[in-house]
Amino acid sequence: MNFQNLYRNGYRVPDETFTGRRTINLGGSQIELVEGMTRSGGSGGMIDAYFPEEKALFVGDYILSRRMYPHDWGFFDMTPIADWIKTLEQLEALDFTMYISSHFENGTKQDIVDFRTFLEKLQLAVLDGIEQGLSVDEMMSTIRFDEYQDWVNYEIEMPLNVQSAYYNLTGLVDCESLGVEVPAAPPRSGVSAPACYAGADIPL
């Protein structure tokens, strides 16, 4: 983000930053700001707000209550699934009874536990499939997790969640199969986000 351009256009540039956690006081109430690793490409910047007296948590749209992960978020936002799990565990450690979502349904701590458990199962199943030498298509047709059938968009998103997890965990993307324009140059070595290539999956 170019803060200088924002400033020139009349937006106030942040004059204070933090990492990890920070406690602020608003109207006599203490609020704890909690940095997460998700929905930001692993670079940080996603902040949740915890109100300890009210036992309430205001969260970003990466928290889902009985809803499948939307595949169009881009392979778990190119953030390692392990980081998603760590961020959710960080929130679980807080003493709250409900959370208020910035986008989706509100929920309880148990909903966060359930979402984290789903991600753990998904990561384990896809890693097991990779170890067995299964293709992403084979995994999409066999990894089902029937216990989540009542989650919103299960039928559509379950196989696509498997696909997203596969590309997230392997750093491989087949452009043509996804209908994505093939880049002219090969991906730069050491890039953390998957890059597309024609014809076959190409490791970064």
Protein backbone atom coordinates (compact mmCIF):
# COMPACT_ATOMS: atom_id res chain seq x y z
CA MET A 1 0.00 0.00 0.00
CA ASN A 2 1.32 3.43 -0.96
CA PHE A 3 0.63 5.58 2.11
CA GLN A 4 2.00 8.70 0.42
CA ASN A 5 -0.67 8.48 -2.28
CA LEU A 6 -3.32 8.00 0.39
CA TYR A 7 -2.04 11.06 2.23
CA ARG A 8 -2.16 13.20 -0.92
CA ASN A 9 -5.76 12.10 -1.49
CA GLY A 10 -6.84 13.23 1.95
CA TYR A 11 -6.55 9.98 3.87
CA ARG A 12 -4.80 9.99 7.22
CA VAL A 13 -1.60 7.95 7.27
CA PRO A 14 -1.24 5.66 10.33
CA ASP A 15 1.22 7.17 12.77
CA GLU A 16 1.36 4.14 15.07
CA THR A 17 1.92 0.49 14.21
CA PHE A 18 2.31 -2.70 16.21
CA THR A 19 2.99 -6.40 15.83
CA GLY A 20 1.57 -9.22 17.89
CA ARG A 21 -0.78 -7.57 20.37
CA ARG A 22 -1.55 -4.12 21.66
CA THR A 23 -4.00 -2.88 24.30
CA ILE A 24 -5.79 0.44 23.77
CA ASN A 25 -8.37 2.35 25.81
CA LEU A 26 -11.58 3.59 24.21
CA GLY A 27 -14.17 5.36 26.31
CA GLY A 28 -12.91 3.74 29.48
CA SER A 29 -12.92 0.23 28.02
CA GLN A 30 -9.80 -1.76 27.32
CA ILE A 31 -9.57 -3.36 23.90
CA GLU A 32 -6.87 -5.80 22.93
CA LEU A 33 -5.82 -5.74 19.27
CA VAL A 34 -4.61 -9.12 18.05
CA GLU A 35 -2.58 -9.52 14.86
CA GLY A 36 -3.27 -12.59 12.76
CA MET A 37 -1.33 -14.19 9.92
CA THR A 38 -4.26 -15.02 7.64
CA ARG A 39 -5.90 -13.20 4.72
CA SER A 40 -2.75 -11.18 4.11
CA GLY A 41 -0.41 -13.48 2.22
CA GLY A 42 1.48 -14.29 5.39
CA SER A 43 2.63 -10.69 5.76
CA GLY A 44 0.50 -9.85 8.77
CA GLY A 45 -1.88 -6.92 8.95
CA MET A 46 -5.12 -8.74 9.72
CA ILE A 47 -6.23 -7.41 13.11
CA ASP A 48 -8.99 -8.71 15.39
CA ALA A 49 -10.34 -6.73 18.36
CA TYR A 50 -10.93 -8.44 21.70
CA PHE A 51 -13.18 -6.89 24.36
CA PRO A 52 -12.30 -8.80 27.56
CA GLU A 53 -14.95 -7.23 29.81
CA GLU A 54 -17.71 -8.07 27.36
CA LYS A 55 -16.10 -11.40 26.43
CA ALA A 56 -16.62 -10.46 22.79
CA LEU A 57 -14.33 -10.70 19.79
CA PHE A 58 -14.60 -8.71 16.56
CA VAL A 59 -12.94 -10.68 13.75
CA GLY A 60 -12.07 -10.34 10.09
CA ASP A 61 -13.82 -12.28 7.35
CA TYR A 62 -11.39 -15.20 7.54
CA ILE A 63 -13.40 -16.70 10.42
CA LEU A 64 -16.18 -18.95 9.12
CA SER A 65 -19.06 -20.37 11.16
CA ARG A 66 -20.26 -23.69 9.75
CA ARG A 67 -19.39 -22.52 6.26
CA MET A 68 -16.92 -23.96 3.76
CA TYR A 69 -13.90 -21.89 2.83
CA PRO A 70 -14.69 -19.86 -0.35
CA HIS A 71 -12.40 -21.19 -3.09
CA ASP A 72 -12.25 -17.81 -4.84
CA TRP A 73 -10.15 -16.44 -1.97
CA GLY A 74 -7.15 -17.85 -3.83
CA PHE A 75 -5.70 -21.02 -2.34
CA PHE A 76 -6.15 -19.84 1.26
CA ASP A 77 -4.82 -16.41 0.33
CA MET A 78 -1.40 -17.86 -0.39
CA THR A 79 -0.90 -18.05 3.38
CA PRO A 80 0.30 -21.44 4.69
CA ILE A 81 -2.58 -23.42 6.14
CA ALA A 82 -0.41 -23.99 9.21
CA ASP A 83 -0.49 -20.21 9.79
CA TRP A 84 -4.28 -20.19 9.55
CA ILE A 85 -4.35 -22.89 12.22
CA LYS A 86 -1.94 -20.98 14.48
CA THR A 87 -4.02 -17.82 14.16
CA LEU A 88 -7.22 -19.66 15.09
CA GLU A 89 -5.49 -21.30 18.07
CA GLN A 90 -4.37 -17.84 19.18
CA LEU A 91 -8.00 -16.68 19.22
CA GLU A 92 -9.17 -19.84 20.99
CA ALA A 93 -6.88 -18.96 23.90
CA LEU A 94 -8.88 -15.77 24.56
CA ASP A 95 -11.73 -15.76 27.08
CA PHE A 96 -14.77 -14.90 24.96
CA THR A 97 -18.26 -16.27 24.43
CA MET A 98 -19.10 -14.91 20.99
CA TYR A 99 -17.46 -13.30 17.99
CA ILE A 100 -18.83 -10.72 15.58
CA SER A 101 -17.76 -11.22 11.98
CA SER A 102 -16.91 -8.43 9.56
CA HIS A 103 -18.56 -10.33 6.73
CA PHE A 104 -20.13 -13.71 7.48
CA GLU A 105 -22.26 -15.13 10.30
CA ASN A 106 -21.43 -14.37 13.92
CA GLY A 107 -20.45 -17.32 16.06
CA THR A 108 -19.02 -18.79 19.25
CA LYS A 109 -15.61 -20.03 20.32
CA GLN A 110 -16.76 -23.55 19.42
CA ASP A 111 -17.32 -22.42 15.83
CA ILE A 112 -13.68 -21.29 15.68
CA VAL A 113 -12.58 -24.64 17.15
CA ASP A 114 -14.66 -26.45 14.52
CA PHE A 115 -13.19 -24.39 11.67
CA ARG A 116 -9.65 -24.96 12.93
CA THR A 117 -10.35 -28.70 13.24
CA PHE A 118 -11.63 -28.75 9.65
CA LEU A 119 -8.43 -27.08 8.40
CA GLU A 120 -6.30 -29.56 10.35
CA LYS A 121 -8.18 -32.50 8.84
CA LEU A 122 -8.00 -31.00 5.36
CA GLN A 123 -4.26 -30.36 5.60
CA LEU A 124 -3.59 -33.87 6.91
CA ALA A 125 -5.75 -35.56 4.26
CA VAL A 126 -4.17 -33.64 1.37
CA LEU A 127 -0.63 -34.22 2.66
CA ASP A 128 -1.47 -37.93 2.94
CA GLY A 129 -2.77 -37.93 -0.64
CA ILE A 130 0.41 -36.23 -1.86
CA GLU A 131 2.50 -38.84 -0.07
CA GLN A 132 0.47 -41.59 -1.77
CA GLY A 133 1.14 -40.00 -5.16
CA LEU A 134 -2.49 -39.08 -5.84
CA SER A 135 -3.28 -36.33 -8.33
CA VAL A 136 -5.25 -33.29 -7.26
CA ASP A 137 -8.25 -34.57 -9.27
CA GLU A 138 -8.14 -37.91 -7.45
CA MET A 139 -8.05 -36.16 -4.10
CA MET A 140 -10.92 -33.86 -5.07
CA SER A 141 -13.11 -36.88 -5.78
CA THR A 142 -12.16 -38.95 -2.72
CA ILE A 143 -11.64 -36.53 0.19
CA ARG A 144 -15.19 -35.81 1.35
CA PHE A 145 -15.46 -35.23 5.14
CA ASP A 146 -19.14 -36.19 5.33
CA GLU A 147 -19.37 -34.84 8.89
CA TYR A 148 -19.38 -31.34 7.38
CA GLN A 149 -22.26 -31.91 4.95
CA ASP A 150 -24.47 -29.45 6.82
CA TRP A 151 -21.98 -26.59 6.39
CA VAL A 152 -22.94 -23.85 3.93
CA ASN A 153 -21.82 -24.58 0.34
CA TYR A 154 -20.47 -28.03 1.22
CA GLU A 155 -21.34 -29.72 -2.09
CA ILE A 156 -19.76 -26.98 -4.20
CA GLU A 157 -16.81 -26.04 -2.03
CA MET A 158 -15.62 -29.33 -0.52
CA PRO A 159 -13.73 -30.55 -3.62
CA LEU A 160 -12.54 -27.00 -4.31
CA ASN A 161 -11.26 -26.76 -0.73
CA VAL A 162 -9.20 -29.86 -1.45
CA GLN A 163 -7.86 -28.23 -4.62
CA SER A 164 -7.04 -25.00 -2.76
CA ALA A 165 -5.26 -26.93 -0.02
CA TYR A 166 -3.27 -28.91 -2.58
CA TYR A 167 -2.01 -25.82 -4.36
CA ASN A 168 -1.41 -24.06 -1.05
CA LEU A 169 0.65 -26.94 0.32
CA THR A 170 2.62 -27.74 -2.83
CA GLY A 171 3.10 -24.34 -4.44
CA LEU A 172 1.98 -25.85 -7.75
CA VAL A 173 -0.61 -24.47 -10.14
CA ASP A 174 -1.63 -25.74 -13.58
CA CYS A 175 -2.78 -22.59 -15.41
CA GLU A 176 -4.56 -24.24 -18.31
CA SER A 177 -6.72 -26.50 -16.16
CA LEU A 178 -7.83 -23.46 -14.16
CA GLY A 179 -8.53 -21.33 -17.24
CA VAL A 180 -5.91 -18.78 -16.16
CA GLU A 181 -3.76 -16.85 -18.61
CA VAL A 182 -0.29 -18.36 -18.82
CA PRO A 183 2.50 -15.92 -17.82
CA ALA A 184 5.20 -15.18 -20.37
CA ALA A 185 8.11 -15.68 -17.98
CA PRO A 186 8.84 -18.60 -15.65
CA PRO A 187 8.17 -18.06 -11.95
CA ARG A 188 10.92 -16.54 -9.86
CA SER A 189 12.65 -19.05 -7.59
CA GLY A 190 11.80 -18.69 -3.93
CA VAL A 191 8.39 -17.10 -4.54
CA SER A 192 5.99 -18.18 -1.82
CA ALA A 193 2.74 -17.71 -3.76
CA PRO A 194 1.81 -20.26 -6.45
CA ALA A 195 2.42 -19.15 -10.04
CA CYS A 196 0.69 -20.57 -13.10
CA TYR A 197 2.39 -22.33 -15.97
CA ALA A 198 1.16 -24.06 -19.12
CA GLY A 199 0.62 -27.77 -19.49
CA ALA A 200 1.76 -29.11 -16.15
CA ASP A 201 2.27 -28.23 -12.53
CA ILE A 202 5.56 -26.40 -12.09
CA PRO A 203 7.28 -26.26 -8.69
CA LEU A 204 8.42 -22.82 -7.54
